[in-house]
Every structure is written in C-alpha cells, then in structure tokens.
PDB file of N, CA and C in Angstrom:
ATOM      1  N   UNK A   1     -71.235 109.692  90.291  1.00  0.00           N
ATOM      2  CA  UNK A   1     -71.036 108.667  91.294  1.00  0.00           C
ATOM      3  C   UNK A   1     -72.375 108.365  91.955  1.00  0.00           C
ATOM      4  N   UNK A   2     -72.583 107.101  92.240  1.00  0.00           N
ATOM      5  CA  UNK A   2     -73.787 106.672  92.943  1.00  0.00           C
ATOM      6  C   UNK A   2     -73.340 105.788  94.105  1.00  0.00           C
ATOM      7  N   UNK A   3     -73.854 106.049  95.275  1.00  0.00           N
ATOM      8  CA  UNK A   3     -73.493 105.237  96.435  1.00  0.00           C
ATOM      9  C   UNK A   3     -74.687 104.402  96.880  1.00  0.00           C
ATOM     10  N   UNK A   4     -74.390 103.289  97.545  1.00  0.00           N
ATOM     11  CA  UNK A   4     -75.429 102.450  98.139  1.00  0.00           C
ATOM     12  C   UNK A   4     -74.823 101.743  99.336  1.00  0.00           C
ATOM     13  N   UNK A   5     -75.689 101.271 100.195  1.00  0.00           N
ATOM     14  CA  UNK A   5     -75.244 100.648 101.439  1.00  0.00           C
ATOM     15  C   UNK A   5     -76.046  99.382 101.711  1.00  0.00           C
ATOM     16  N   UNK A   6     -75.360  98.332 102.091  1.00  0.00           N
ATOM     17  CA  UNK A   6     -76.027  97.089 102.481  1.00  0.00           C
ATOM     18  C   UNK A   6     -76.971  97.357 103.652  1.00  0.00           C
ATOM     19  N   UNK A   7     -76.527  98.165 104.603  1.00  0.00           N
ATOM     20  CA  UNK A   7     -77.339  98.438 105.791  1.00  0.00           C
ATOM     21  C   UNK A   7     -78.586  99.257 105.472  1.00  0.00           C
ATOM     22  N   UNK A   8     -78.512 100.132 104.469  1.00  0.00           N
ATOM     23  CA  UNK A   8     -79.624 101.026 104.165  1.00  0.00           C
ATOM     24  C   UNK A   8     -80.575 100.510 103.082  1.00  0.00           C
ATOM     25  N   UNK A   9     -80.234  99.405 102.433  1.00  0.00           N
ATOM     26  CA  UNK A   9     -81.076  98.869 101.365  1.00  0.00           C
ATOM     27  C   UNK A   9     -82.081  97.898 101.967  1.00  0.00           C
ATOM     28  N   UNK A  10     -83.375  98.128 101.754  1.00  0.00           N
ATOM     29  CA  UNK A  10     -84.373  97.247 102.371  1.00  0.00           C
ATOM     30  C   UNK A  10     -84.391  95.858 101.727  1.00  0.00           C
ATOM     31  N   UNK A  11     -84.795  94.879 102.518  1.00  0.00           N
ATOM     32  CA  UNK A  11     -85.028  93.529 102.019  1.00  0.00           C
ATOM     33  C   UNK A  11     -86.461  93.475 101.495  1.00  0.00           C
ATOM     34  N   UNK A  12     -86.633  92.900 100.314  1.00  0.00           N
ATOM     35  CA  UNK A  12     -87.960  92.726  99.727  1.00  0.00           C
ATOM     36  C   UNK A  12     -88.082  91.292  99.226  1.00  0.00           C
ATOM     37  N   UNK A  13     -89.277  90.907  98.850  1.00  0.00           N
ATOM     38  CA  UNK A  13     -89.486  89.581  98.294  1.00  0.00           C
ATOM     39  C   UNK A  13     -88.994  89.520  96.853  1.00  0.00           C
ATOM     40  N   UNK A  14     -88.456  88.381  96.480  1.00  0.00           N
ATOM     41  CA  UNK A  14     -87.966  88.169  95.121  1.00  0.00           C
ATOM     42  C   UNK A  14     -89.126  88.071  94.142  1.00  0.00           C
ATOM     43  N   UNK A  15     -88.877  88.443  92.897  1.00  0.00           N
ATOM     44  CA  UNK A  15     -89.880  88.298  91.856  1.00  0.00           C
ATOM     45  C   UNK A  15     -90.177  86.847  91.532  1.00  0.00           C
ATOM     46  N   UNK A  16     -89.233  85.951  91.833  1.00  0.00           N
ATOM     47  CA  UNK A  16     -89.446  84.520  91.590  1.00  0.00           C
ATOM     48  C   UNK A  16     -90.269  83.875  92.702  1.00  0.00           C
ATOM     49  N   UNK A  17     -90.090  84.360  93.936  1.00  0.00           N
ATOM     50  CA  UNK A  17     -90.786  83.795  95.092  1.00  0.00           C
ATOM     51  C   UNK A  17     -90.720  84.848  96.201  1.00  0.00           C
ATOM     52  N   UNK A  18     -91.863  85.353  96.607  1.00  0.00           N
ATOM     53  CA  UNK A  18     -91.908  86.445  97.594  1.00  0.00           C
ATOM     54  C   UNK A  18     -91.307  86.066  98.940  1.00  0.00           C
ATOM     55  N   UNK A  19     -91.170  84.764  99.247  1.00  0.00           N
ATOM     56  CA  UNK A  19     -90.588  84.352 100.524  1.00  0.00           C
ATOM     57  C   UNK A  19     -89.060  84.364 100.485  1.00  0.00           C
ATOM     58  N   UNK A  20     -88.482  84.509  99.306  1.00  0.00           N
ATOM     59  CA  UNK A  20     -87.028  84.615  99.174  1.00  0.00           C
ATOM     60  C   UNK A  20     -86.671  86.090  99.252  1.00  0.00           C
ATOM     61  N   UNK A  21     -85.897  86.447 100.279  1.00  0.00           N
ATOM     62  CA  UNK A  21     -85.564  87.856 100.501  1.00  0.00           C
ATOM     63  C   UNK A  21     -84.385  88.292  99.651  1.00  0.00           C
ATOM     64  N   UNK A  22     -84.475  89.545  99.151  1.00  0.00           N
ATOM     65  CA  UNK A  22     -83.400  90.100  98.340  1.00  0.00           C
ATOM     66  C   UNK A  22     -83.234  91.577  98.637  1.00  0.00           C
ATOM     67  N   UNK A  23     -82.045  92.056  98.340  1.00  0.00           N
ATOM     68  CA  UNK A  23     -81.738  93.481  98.358  1.00  0.00           C
ATOM     69  C   UNK A  23     -81.276  93.847  96.954  1.00  0.00           C
ATOM     70  N   UNK A  24     -81.859  94.887  96.389  1.00  0.00           N
ATOM     71  CA  UNK A  24     -81.450  95.365  95.070  1.00  0.00           C
ATOM     72  C   UNK A  24     -80.713  96.682  95.279  1.00  0.00           C
ATOM     73  N   UNK A  25     -79.394  96.646  95.046  1.00  0.00           N
ATOM     74  CA  UNK A  25     -78.562  97.830  95.260  1.00  0.00           C
ATOM     75  C   UNK A  25     -78.590  98.774  94.063  1.00  0.00           C
ATOM     76  N   UNK A  26     -78.580  98.201  92.860  1.00  0.00           N
ATOM     77  CA  UNK A  26     -78.615  98.996  91.632  1.00  0.00           C
ATOM     78  C   UNK A  26     -79.608  98.353  90.676  1.00  0.00           C
ATOM     79  N   UNK A  27     -80.385  99.164  89.991  1.00  0.00           N
ATOM     80  CA  UNK A  27     -81.414  98.675  89.083  1.00  0.00           C
ATOM     81  C   UNK A  27     -81.070  99.038  87.640  1.00  0.00           C
ATOM     82  N   UNK A  28     -81.876  98.525  86.737  1.00  0.00           N
ATOM     83  CA  UNK A  28     -81.693  98.800  85.315  1.00  0.00           C
ATOM     84  C   UNK A  28     -81.625 100.308  85.095  1.00  0.00           C
ATOM     85  N   UNK A  29     -80.645 100.726  84.313  1.00  0.00           N
ATOM     86  CA  UNK A  29     -80.454 102.146  84.045  1.00  0.00           C
ATOM     87  C   UNK A  29     -79.446 102.808  84.966  1.00  0.00           C
ATOM     88  N   UNK A  30     -79.028 102.124  86.037  1.00  0.00           N
ATOM     89  CA  UNK A  30     -78.033 102.700  86.948  1.00  0.00           C
ATOM     90  C   UNK A  30     -76.668 102.818  86.295  1.00  0.00           C
ATOM     91  N   UNK A  31     -76.381 101.896  85.371  1.00  0.00           N
ATOM     92  CA  UNK A  31     -75.135 101.898  84.607  1.00  0.00           C
ATOM     93  C   UNK A  31     -75.428 101.248  83.259  1.00  0.00           C
ATOM     94  N   UNK A  32     -74.718 101.637  82.215  1.00  0.00           N
ATOM     95  CA  UNK A  32     -74.989 101.059  80.897  1.00  0.00           C
ATOM     96  C   UNK A  32     -74.890  99.534  80.909  1.00  0.00           C
ATOM     97  N   UNK A  33     -75.932  98.873  80.420  1.00  0.00           N
ATOM     98  CA  UNK A  33     -75.944  97.417  80.322  1.00  0.00           C
ATOM     99  C   UNK A  33     -76.357  96.687  81.584  1.00  0.00           C
ATOM    100  N   UNK A  34     -76.367  97.366  82.717  1.00  0.00           N
ATOM    101  CA  UNK A  34     -76.711  96.704  83.970  1.00  0.00           C
ATOM    102  C   UNK A  34     -78.221  96.561  84.100  1.00  0.00           C
ATOM    103  N   UNK A  35     -78.700  95.366  84.419  1.00  0.00           N
ATOM    104  CA  UNK A  35     -80.122  95.183  84.695  1.00  0.00           C
ATOM    105  C   UNK A  35     -80.376  95.120  86.192  1.00  0.00           C
ATOM    106  N   UNK A  36     -79.386  94.646  86.954  1.00  0.00           N
ATOM    107  CA  UNK A  36     -79.521  94.615  88.409  1.00  0.00           C
ATOM    108  C   UNK A  36     -78.195  94.265  89.061  1.00  0.00           C
ATOM    109  N   UNK A  37     -78.045  94.706  90.296  1.00  0.00           N
ATOM    110  CA  UNK A  37     -76.970  94.248  91.177  1.00  0.00           C
ATOM    111  C   UNK A  37     -77.590  94.161  92.549  1.00  0.00           C
ATOM    112  N   UNK A  38     -77.490  92.996  93.153  1.00  0.00           N
ATOM    113  CA  UNK A  38     -78.065  92.816  94.478  1.00  0.00           C
ATOM    114  C   UNK A  38     -77.608  91.530  95.112  1.00  0.00           C
ATOM    115  N   UNK A  39     -78.327  91.149  96.138  1.00  0.00           N
ATOM    116  CA  UNK A  39     -78.055  89.871  96.792  1.00  0.00           C
ATOM    117  C   UNK A  39     -79.368  89.299  97.269  1.00  0.00           C
ATOM    118  N   UNK A  40     -79.383  87.977  97.442  1.00  0.00           N
ATOM    119  CA  UNK A  40     -80.561  87.324  97.975  1.00  0.00           C
ATOM    120  C   UNK A  40     -80.131  86.222  98.924  1.00  0.00           C
ATOM    121  N   UNK A  41     -81.085  85.793  99.751  1.00  0.00           N
ATOM    122  CA  UNK A  41     -80.838  84.729 100.714  1.00  0.00           C
ATOM    123  C   UNK A  41     -81.785  83.569 100.439  1.00  0.00           C
ATOM    124  N   UNK A  42     -81.232  82.371 100.447  1.00  0.00           N
ATOM    125  CA  UNK A  42     -82.033  81.154 100.367  1.00  0.00           C
ATOM    126  C   UNK A  42     -81.911  80.438 101.697  1.00  0.00           C
ATOM    127  N   UNK A  43     -83.019  80.279 102.369  1.00  0.00           N
ATOM    128  CA  UNK A  43     -83.035  79.514 103.608  1.00  0.00           C
ATOM    129  C   UNK A  43     -82.995  78.025 103.259  1.00  0.00           C
ATOM    130  N   UNK A  44     -82.614  77.166 104.199  1.00  0.00           N
ATOM    131  CA  UNK A  44     -82.607  75.731 103.921  1.00  0.00           C
ATOM    132  C   UNK A  44     -83.956  75.277 103.348  1.00  0.00           C
ATOM    133  N   UNK A  45     -83.895  74.549 102.253  1.00  0.00           N
ATOM    134  CA  UNK A  45     -85.099  74.040 101.610  1.00  0.00           C
ATOM    135  C   UNK A  45     -85.709  74.975 100.585  1.00  0.00           C
ATOM    136  N   UNK A  46     -85.324  76.241 100.567  1.00  0.00           N
ATOM    137  CA  UNK A  46     -85.892  77.162  99.575  1.00  0.00           C
ATOM    138  C   UNK A  46     -85.279  76.913  98.212  1.00  0.00           C
ATOM    139  N   UNK A  47     -86.076  77.210  97.183  1.00  0.00           N
ATOM    140  CA  UNK A  47     -85.584  77.040  95.825  1.00  0.00           C
ATOM    141  C   UNK A  47     -86.194  78.067  94.890  1.00  0.00           C
ATOM    142  N   UNK A  48     -85.490  78.312  93.816  1.00  0.00           N
ATOM    143  CA  UNK A  48     -85.992  79.124  92.713  1.00  0.00           C
ATOM    144  C   UNK A  48     -86.241  78.147  91.573  1.00  0.00           C
ATOM    145  N   UNK A  49     -87.468  78.122  91.089  1.00  0.00           N
ATOM    146  CA  UNK A  49     -87.848  77.183  90.026  1.00  0.00           C
ATOM    147  C   UNK A  49     -87.071  77.453  88.739  1.00  0.00           C
ATOM    148  N   UNK A  50     -86.974  76.448  87.900  1.00  0.00           N
ATOM    149  CA  UNK A  50     -86.257  76.557  86.629  1.00  0.00           C
ATOM    150  C   UNK A  50     -86.859  77.664  85.758  1.00  0.00           C
ATOM    151  N   UNK A  51     -85.981  78.475  85.202  1.00  0.00           N
ATOM    152  CA  UNK A  51     -86.390  79.562  84.317  1.00  0.00           C
ATOM    153  C   UNK A  51     -85.173  79.968  83.496  1.00  0.00           C
ATOM    154  N   UNK A  52     -85.389  80.827  82.518  1.00  0.00           N
ATOM    155  CA  UNK A  52     -84.282  81.366  81.739  1.00  0.00           C
ATOM    156  C   UNK A  52     -84.599  82.804  81.369  1.00  0.00           C
ATOM    157  N   UNK A  53     -83.569  83.504  80.948  1.00  0.00           N
ATOM    158  CA  UNK A  53     -83.705  84.885  80.500  1.00  0.00           C
ATOM    159  C   UNK A  53     -83.061  84.972  79.119  1.00  0.00           C
ATOM    160  N   UNK A  54     -83.813  85.368  78.135  1.00  0.00           N
ATOM    161  CA  UNK A  54     -83.251  85.486  76.789  1.00  0.00           C
ATOM    162  C   UNK A  54     -82.596  86.839  76.566  1.00  0.00           C
ATOM    163  N   UNK A  55     -82.859  87.786  77.474  1.00  0.00           N
ATOM    164  CA  UNK A  55     -82.400  89.159  77.264  1.00  0.00           C
ATOM    165  C   UNK A  55     -81.257  89.592  78.173  1.00  0.00           C
ATOM    166  N   UNK A  56     -80.693  88.664  78.963  1.00  0.00           N
ATOM    167  CA  UNK A  56     -79.633  89.088  79.870  1.00  0.00           C
ATOM    168  C   UNK A  56     -78.717  87.949  80.274  1.00  0.00           C
ATOM    169  N   UNK A  57     -77.526  88.318  80.679  1.00  0.00           N
ATOM    170  CA  UNK A  57     -76.554  87.441  81.324  1.00  0.00           C
ATOM    171  C   UNK A  57     -76.770  87.594  82.822  1.00  0.00           C
ATOM    172  N   UNK A  58     -76.496  86.549  83.594  1.00  0.00           N
ATOM    173  CA  UNK A  58     -76.559  86.648  85.058  1.00  0.00           C
ATOM    174  C   UNK A  58     -75.288  86.068  85.650  1.00  0.00           C
ATOM    175  N   UNK A  59     -74.732  86.802  86.593  1.00  0.00           N
ATOM    176  CA  UNK A  59     -73.563  86.344  87.331  1.00  0.00           C
ATOM    177  C   UNK A  59     -74.005  86.128  88.771  1.00  0.00           C
ATOM    178  N   UNK A  60     -73.794  84.926  89.288  1.00  0.00           N
ATOM    179  CA  UNK A  60     -74.113  84.587  90.667  1.00  0.00           C
ATOM    180  C   UNK A  60     -72.810  84.340  91.410  1.00  0.00           C
ATOM    181  N   UNK A  61     -72.684  84.898  92.625  1.00  0.00           N
ATOM    182  CA  UNK A  61     -71.506  84.671  93.455  1.00  0.00           C
ATOM    183  C   UNK A  61     -71.968  84.340  94.865  1.00  0.00           C
ATOM    184  N   UNK A  62     -71.674  83.130  95.323  1.00  0.00           N
ATOM    185  CA  UNK A  62     -72.100  82.662  96.640  1.00  0.00           C
ATOM    186  C   UNK A  62     -71.116  83.183  97.687  1.00  0.00           C
ATOM    187  N   UNK A  63     -71.625  83.897  98.692  1.00  0.00           N
ATOM    188  CA  UNK A  63     -70.759  84.441  99.739  1.00  0.00           C
ATOM    189  C   UNK A  63     -70.963  83.747 101.078  1.00  0.00           C
ATOM    190  N   UNK A  64     -72.032  82.960 101.183  1.00  0.00           N
ATOM    191  CA  UNK A  64     -72.311  82.252 102.438  1.00  0.00           C
ATOM    192  C   UNK A  64     -73.110  81.006 102.090  1.00  0.00           C
ATOM    193  N   UNK A  65     -72.729  79.870 102.676  1.00  0.00           N
ATOM    194  CA  UNK A  65     -73.454  78.633 102.452  1.00  0.00           C
ATOM    195  C   UNK A  65     -73.126  78.011 101.106  1.00  0.00           C
ATOM    196  N   UNK A  66     -74.055  77.215 100.603  1.00  0.00           N
ATOM    197  CA  UNK A  66     -73.889  76.614  99.287  1.00  0.00           C
ATOM    198  C   UNK A  66     -75.254  76.478  98.627  1.00  0.00           C
ATOM    199  N   UNK A  67     -75.240  76.449  97.309  1.00  0.00           N
ATOM    200  CA  UNK A  67     -76.455  76.390  96.514  1.00  0.00           C
ATOM    201  C   UNK A  67     -76.236  75.368  95.401  1.00  0.00           C
ATOM    202  N   UNK A  68     -77.248  74.551  95.143  1.00  0.00           N
ATOM    203  CA  UNK A  68     -77.203  73.675  93.979  1.00  0.00           C
ATOM    204  C   UNK A  68     -77.857  74.421  92.824  1.00  0.00           C
ATOM    205  N   UNK A  69     -77.075  74.689  91.807  1.00  0.00           N
ATOM    206  CA  UNK A  69     -77.567  75.295  90.575  1.00  0.00           C
ATOM    207  C   UNK A  69     -77.793  74.151  89.595  1.00  0.00           C
ATOM    208  N   UNK A  70     -78.976  74.065  89.056  1.00  0.00           N
ATOM    209  CA  UNK A  70     -79.242  73.096  88.002  1.00  0.00           C
ATOM    210  C   UNK A  70     -79.344  73.893  86.713  1.00  0.00           C
ATOM    211  N   UNK A  71     -78.363  73.694  85.839  1.00  0.00           N
ATOM    212  CA  UNK A  71     -78.261  74.467  84.599  1.00  0.00           C
ATOM    213  C   UNK A  71     -78.472  73.513  83.426  1.00  0.00           C
ATOM    214  N   UNK A  72     -79.506  73.792  82.652  1.00  0.00           N
ATOM    215  CA  UNK A  72     -79.861  72.934  81.519  1.00  0.00           C
ATOM    216  C   UNK A  72     -79.907  71.467  81.938  1.00  0.00           C
ATOM    217  N   UNK A  73     -80.495  71.219  83.130  1.00  0.00           N
ATOM    218  CA  UNK A  73     -80.699  69.861  83.629  1.00  0.00           C
ATOM    219  C   UNK A  73     -79.526  69.245  84.366  1.00  0.00           C
ATOM    220  N   UNK A  74     -78.406  69.937  84.442  1.00  0.00           N
ATOM    221  CA  UNK A  74     -77.203  69.400  85.094  1.00  0.00           C
ATOM    222  C   UNK A  74     -76.962  70.096  86.434  1.00  0.00           C
ATOM    223  N   UNK A  75     -77.053  69.346  87.564  1.00  0.00           N
ATOM    224  CA  UNK A  75     -76.826  69.971  88.869  1.00  0.00           C
ATOM    225  C   UNK A  75     -75.346  70.235  89.131  1.00  0.00           C
ATOM    226  N   UNK A  76     -75.099  71.335  89.832  1.00  0.00           N
ATOM    227  CA  UNK A  76     -73.733  71.698  90.209  1.00  0.00           C
ATOM    228  C   UNK A  76     -73.786  72.410  91.552  1.00  0.00           C
ATOM    229  N   UNK A  77     -73.051  71.892  92.523  1.00  0.00           N
ATOM    230  CA  UNK A  77     -72.973  72.502  93.850  1.00  0.00           C
ATOM    231  C   UNK A  77     -71.982  73.667  93.804  1.00  0.00           C
ATOM    232  N   UNK A  78     -72.414  74.832  94.274  1.00  0.00           N
ATOM    233  CA  UNK A  78     -71.571  76.022  94.282  1.00  0.00           C
ATOM    234  C   UNK A  78     -71.503  76.527  95.716  1.00  0.00           C
ATOM    235  N   UNK A  79     -70.292  76.584  96.258  1.00  0.00           N
ATOM    236  CA  UNK A  79     -70.109  76.978  97.644  1.00  0.00           C
ATOM    237  C   UNK A  79     -69.587  78.392  97.796  1.00  0.00           C
ATOM    238  N   UNK A  80     -69.430  78.786  99.045  1.00  0.00           N
ATOM    239  CA  UNK A  80     -68.945  80.118  99.385  1.00  0.00           C
ATOM    240  C   UNK A  80     -67.624  80.395  98.674  1.00  0.00           C
ATOM    241  N   UNK A  81     -67.556  81.561  98.034  1.00  0.00           N
ATOM    242  CA  UNK A  81     -66.358  81.949  97.307  1.00  0.00           C
ATOM    243  C   UNK A  81     -66.347  81.497  95.862  1.00  0.00           C
ATOM    244  N   UNK A  82     -67.446  80.886  95.410  1.00  0.00           N
ATOM    245  CA  UNK A  82     -67.538  80.407  94.031  1.00  0.00           C
ATOM    246  C   UNK A  82     -68.695  81.088  93.315  1.00  0.00           C
ATOM    247  N   UNK A  83     -68.645  81.086  91.989  1.00  0.00           N
ATOM    248  CA  UNK A  83     -69.700  81.726  91.227  1.00  0.00           C
ATOM    249  C   UNK A  83     -69.948  81.041  89.902  1.00  0.00           C
ATOM    250  N   UNK A  84     -70.988  81.504  89.232  1.00  0.00           N
ATOM    251  CA  UNK A  84     -71.377  81.001  87.915  1.00  0.00           C
ATOM    252  C   UNK A  84     -71.791  82.160  87.032  1.00  0.00           C
ATOM    253  N   UNK A  85     -71.567  82.005  85.744  1.00  0.00           N
ATOM    254  CA  UNK A  85     -72.050  82.946  84.742  1.00  0.00           C
ATOM    255  C   UNK A  85     -73.091  82.223  83.903  1.00  0.00           C
ATOM    256  N   UNK A  86     -74.313  82.750  83.877  1.00  0.00           N
ATOM    257  CA  UNK A  86     -75.385  82.202  83.053  1.00  0.00           C
ATOM    258  C   UNK A  86     -75.477  83.016  81.773  1.00  0.00           C
ATOM    259  N   UNK A  87     -75.434  82.322  80.659  1.00  0.00           N
ATOM    260  CA  UNK A  87     -75.599  82.985  79.370  1.00  0.00           C
ATOM    261  C   UNK A  87     -77.079  83.150  79.075  1.00  0.00           C
ATOM    262  N   UNK A  88     -77.434  84.111  78.228  1.00  0.00           N
ATOM    263  CA  UNK A  88     -78.836  84.239  77.844  1.00  0.00           C
ATOM    264  C   UNK A  88     -79.370  82.903  77.307  1.00  0.00           C
ATOM    265  N   UNK A  89     -80.538  82.510  77.813  1.00  0.00           N
ATOM    266  CA  UNK A  89     -81.155  81.260  77.386  1.00  0.00           C
ATOM    267  C   UNK A  89     -80.827  80.061  78.243  1.00  0.00           C
ATOM    268  N   UNK A  90     -79.787  80.124  79.108  1.00  0.00           N
ATOM    269  CA  UNK A  90     -79.486  79.002  80.003  1.00  0.00           C
ATOM    270  C   UNK A  90     -80.645  78.815  80.973  1.00  0.00           C
ATOM    271  N   UNK A  91     -81.246  77.639  80.969  1.00  0.00           N
ATOM    272  CA  UNK A  91     -82.293  77.356  81.953  1.00  0.00           C
ATOM    273  C   UNK A  91     -81.610  77.021  83.271  1.00  0.00           C
ATOM    274  N   UNK A  92     -82.041  77.677  84.346  1.00  0.00           N
ATOM    275  CA  UNK A  92     -81.398  77.459  85.630  1.00  0.00           C
ATOM    276  C   UNK A  92     -82.412  77.468  86.773  1.00  0.00           C
ATOM    277  N   UNK A  93     -82.120  76.627  87.762  1.00  0.00           N
ATOM    278  CA  UNK A  93     -82.883  76.553  89.004  1.00  0.00           C
ATOM    279  C   UNK A  93     -81.867  76.574  90.138  1.00  0.00           C
ATOM    280  N   UNK A  94     -82.288  77.049  91.311  1.00  0.00           N
ATOM    281  CA  UNK A  94     -81.402  77.125  92.460  1.00  0.00           C
ATOM    282  C   UNK A  94     -82.085  76.469  93.642  1.00  0.00           C
ATOM    283  N   UNK A  95     -81.331  75.710  94.427  1.00  0.00           N
ATOM    284  CA  UNK A  95     -81.872  75.042  95.607  1.00  0.00           C
ATOM    285  C   UNK A  95     -80.861  75.121  96.736  1.00  0.00           C
ATOM    286  N   UNK A  96     -81.341  75.454  97.926  1.00  0.00           N
ATOM    287  CA  UNK A  96     -80.506  75.358  99.117  1.00  0.00           C
ATOM    288  C   UNK A  96     -80.890  74.054  99.810  1.00  0.00           C
ATOM    289  N   UNK A  97     -80.106  73.023  99.577  1.00  0.00           N
ATOM    290  CA  UNK A  97     -80.344  71.726 100.203  1.00  0.00           C
ATOM    291  C   UNK A  97     -79.577  71.547 101.495  1.00  0.00           C
ATOM    292  N   UNK A  98     -78.884  72.590 101.934  1.00  0.00           N
ATOM    293  CA  UNK A  98     -78.072  72.509 103.139  1.00  0.00           C
ATOM    294  C   UNK A  98     -78.864  72.796 104.409  1.00  0.00           C
ATOM    295  N   UNK A  99     -78.128  72.939 105.491  1.00  0.00           N
ATOM    296  CA  UNK A  99     -78.728  73.178 106.812  1.00  0.00           C
ATOM    297  C   UNK A  99     -78.628  74.626 107.257  1.00  0.00           C
ATOM    298  N   UNK A 100     -77.983  75.474 106.440  1.00  0.00           N
ATOM    299  CA  UNK A 100     -77.826  76.877 106.826  1.00  0.00           C
ATOM    300  C   UNK A 100     -78.189  77.784 105.655  1.00  0.00           C
ATOM    301  N   UNK A 101     -78.412  79.042 105.965  1.00  0.00           N
ATOM    302  CA  UNK A 101     -78.769  80.050 104.968  1.00  0.00           C
ATOM    303  C   UNK A 101     -77.649  80.197 103.935  1.00  0.00           C
ATOM    304  N   UNK A 102     -78.042  80.428 102.700  1.00  0.00           N
ATOM    305  CA  UNK A 102     -77.094  80.751 101.632  1.00  0.00           C
ATOM    306  C   UNK A 102     -77.353  82.196 101.206  1.00  0.00           C
ATOM    307  N   UNK A 103     -76.275  82.943 101.027  1.00  0.00           N
ATOM    308  CA  UNK A 103     -76.365  84.321 100.551  1.00  0.00           C
ATOM    309  C   UNK A 103     -75.612  84.407  99.235  1.00  0.00           C
ATOM    310  N   UNK A 104     -76.277  84.989  98.239  1.00  0.00           N
ATOM    311  CA  UNK A 104     -75.738  85.017  96.884  1.00  0.00           C
ATOM    312  C   UNK A 104     -75.839  86.438  96.329  1.00  0.00           C
ATOM    313  N   UNK A 105     -74.736  86.938  95.784  1.00  0.00           N
ATOM    314  CA  UNK A 105     -74.759  88.202  95.047  1.00  0.00           C
ATOM    315  C   UNK A 105     -75.117  87.900  93.600  1.00  0.00           C
ATOM    316  N   UNK A 106     -75.863  88.801  92.974  1.00  0.00           N
ATOM    317  CA  UNK A 106     -76.309  88.609  91.602  1.00  0.00           C
ATOM    318  C   UNK A 106     -76.107  89.895  90.809  1.00  0.00           C
ATOM    319  N   UNK A 107     -75.564  89.725  89.600  1.00  0.00           N
ATOM    320  CA  UNK A 107     -75.396  90.815  88.653  1.00  0.00           C
ATOM    321  C   UNK A 107     -76.151  90.435  87.389  1.00  0.00           C
ATOM    322  N   UNK A 108     -76.947  91.324  86.865  1.00  0.00           N
ATOM    323  CA  UNK A 108     -77.621  91.098  85.590  1.00  0.00           C
ATOM    324  C   UNK A 108     -77.082  92.079  84.560  1.00  0.00           C
ATOM    325  N   UNK A 109     -76.769  91.571  83.392  1.00  0.00           N
ATOM    326  CA  UNK A 109     -76.191  92.392  82.323  1.00  0.00           C
ATOM    327  C   UNK A 109     -77.016  92.174  81.055  1.00  0.00           C
ATOM    328  N   UNK A 110     -77.457  93.268  80.446  1.00  0.00           N
ATOM    329  CA  UNK A 110     -78.262  93.163  79.227  1.00  0.00           C
ATOM    330  C   UNK A 110     -77.518  92.440  78.125  1.00  0.00           C
ATOM    331  N   UNK A 111     -78.234  91.638  77.384  1.00  0.00           N
ATOM    332  CA  UNK A 111     -77.677  90.988  76.213  1.00  0.00           C
ATOM    333  C   UNK A 111     -77.526  92.031  75.102  1.00  0.00           C
ATOM    334  N   UNK A 112     -76.332  92.128  74.553  1.00  0.00           N
ATOM    335  CA  UNK A 112     -76.110  93.040  73.434  1.00  0.00           C
ATOM    336  C   UNK A 112     -76.734  92.456  72.177  1.00  0.00           C
ATOM    337  N   UNK A 113     -77.086  93.280  71.247  1.00  0.00           N
ATOM    338  CA  UNK A 113     -77.736  92.809  70.026  1.00  0.00           C
ATOM    339  C   UNK A 113     -76.829  91.869  69.239  1.00  0.00           C
ATOM    340  N   UNK A 114     -75.513  91.925  69.469  1.00  0.00           N
ATOM    341  CA  UNK A 114     -74.579  91.053  68.749  1.00  0.00           C
ATOM    342  C   UNK A 114     -74.328  89.730  69.471  1.00  0.00           C
ATOM    343  N   UNK A 115     -74.835  89.570  70.718  1.00  0.00           N
ATOM    344  CA  UNK A 115     -74.617  88.321  71.481  1.00  0.00           C
ATOM    345  C   UNK A 115     -75.416  87.183  70.896  1.00  0.00           C
TER     346      UNK A 115
END
C-alpha cells in the first residue's frame, strides 16, 4: 500500500510551463503501467502548447472551472465533472479562456507494446 495526501504534496512547476503549478501524487513505477497521477491548475489565460506523447495514454478530468482542449486541431470545451482520454499520438493543447482557475486531474498510462 502507498498513501499520499493532497495537503502534503508540494506544488511544482509543470514540465510544459514552469508557471503552471502541479502536484504529482504518484510517479512512474508507483504502479504497473502508471506514468503519473496528479493534478494541475491553469489560471485564466494560461495554456499548454500543442504536443503529443507516443508512449502513453493520458486521462484528464476537470474538477474546477473549464478548459478548452484542442485535439488534433479540433477545439472542445471541457467543464467541471467532465474528462477526456488522449490516445498515444493525439496532438493536444489546453487553454483556460475563462475568468477563474481550472483544476485538472491527470493520469498517465504507458502504451503497451500491442497498442
């Protein structure tokens, strides 16, 4: 068993943009296939530039605010209580175009050799 706490996990800068704060609760190797489990905050106007991952799936779940996900060039507004699954290779960008902070949970799962 491994425990973690939202209150005890420090906020650090994201690898995509150091001004975007994130908490990483579990890292690669914590569980089979898991590359990460955490959450991040996008302040109004913040964005994550378009990128893709060929080696992992990503699950995003918005718990506060809303985020525009642009996936393979197609924008989609995702609000609190909604999520998206990104397949390996999906190009995606995230933007908080709203007036309040958005908080998003993220799960990364390694791509299996058969995927």
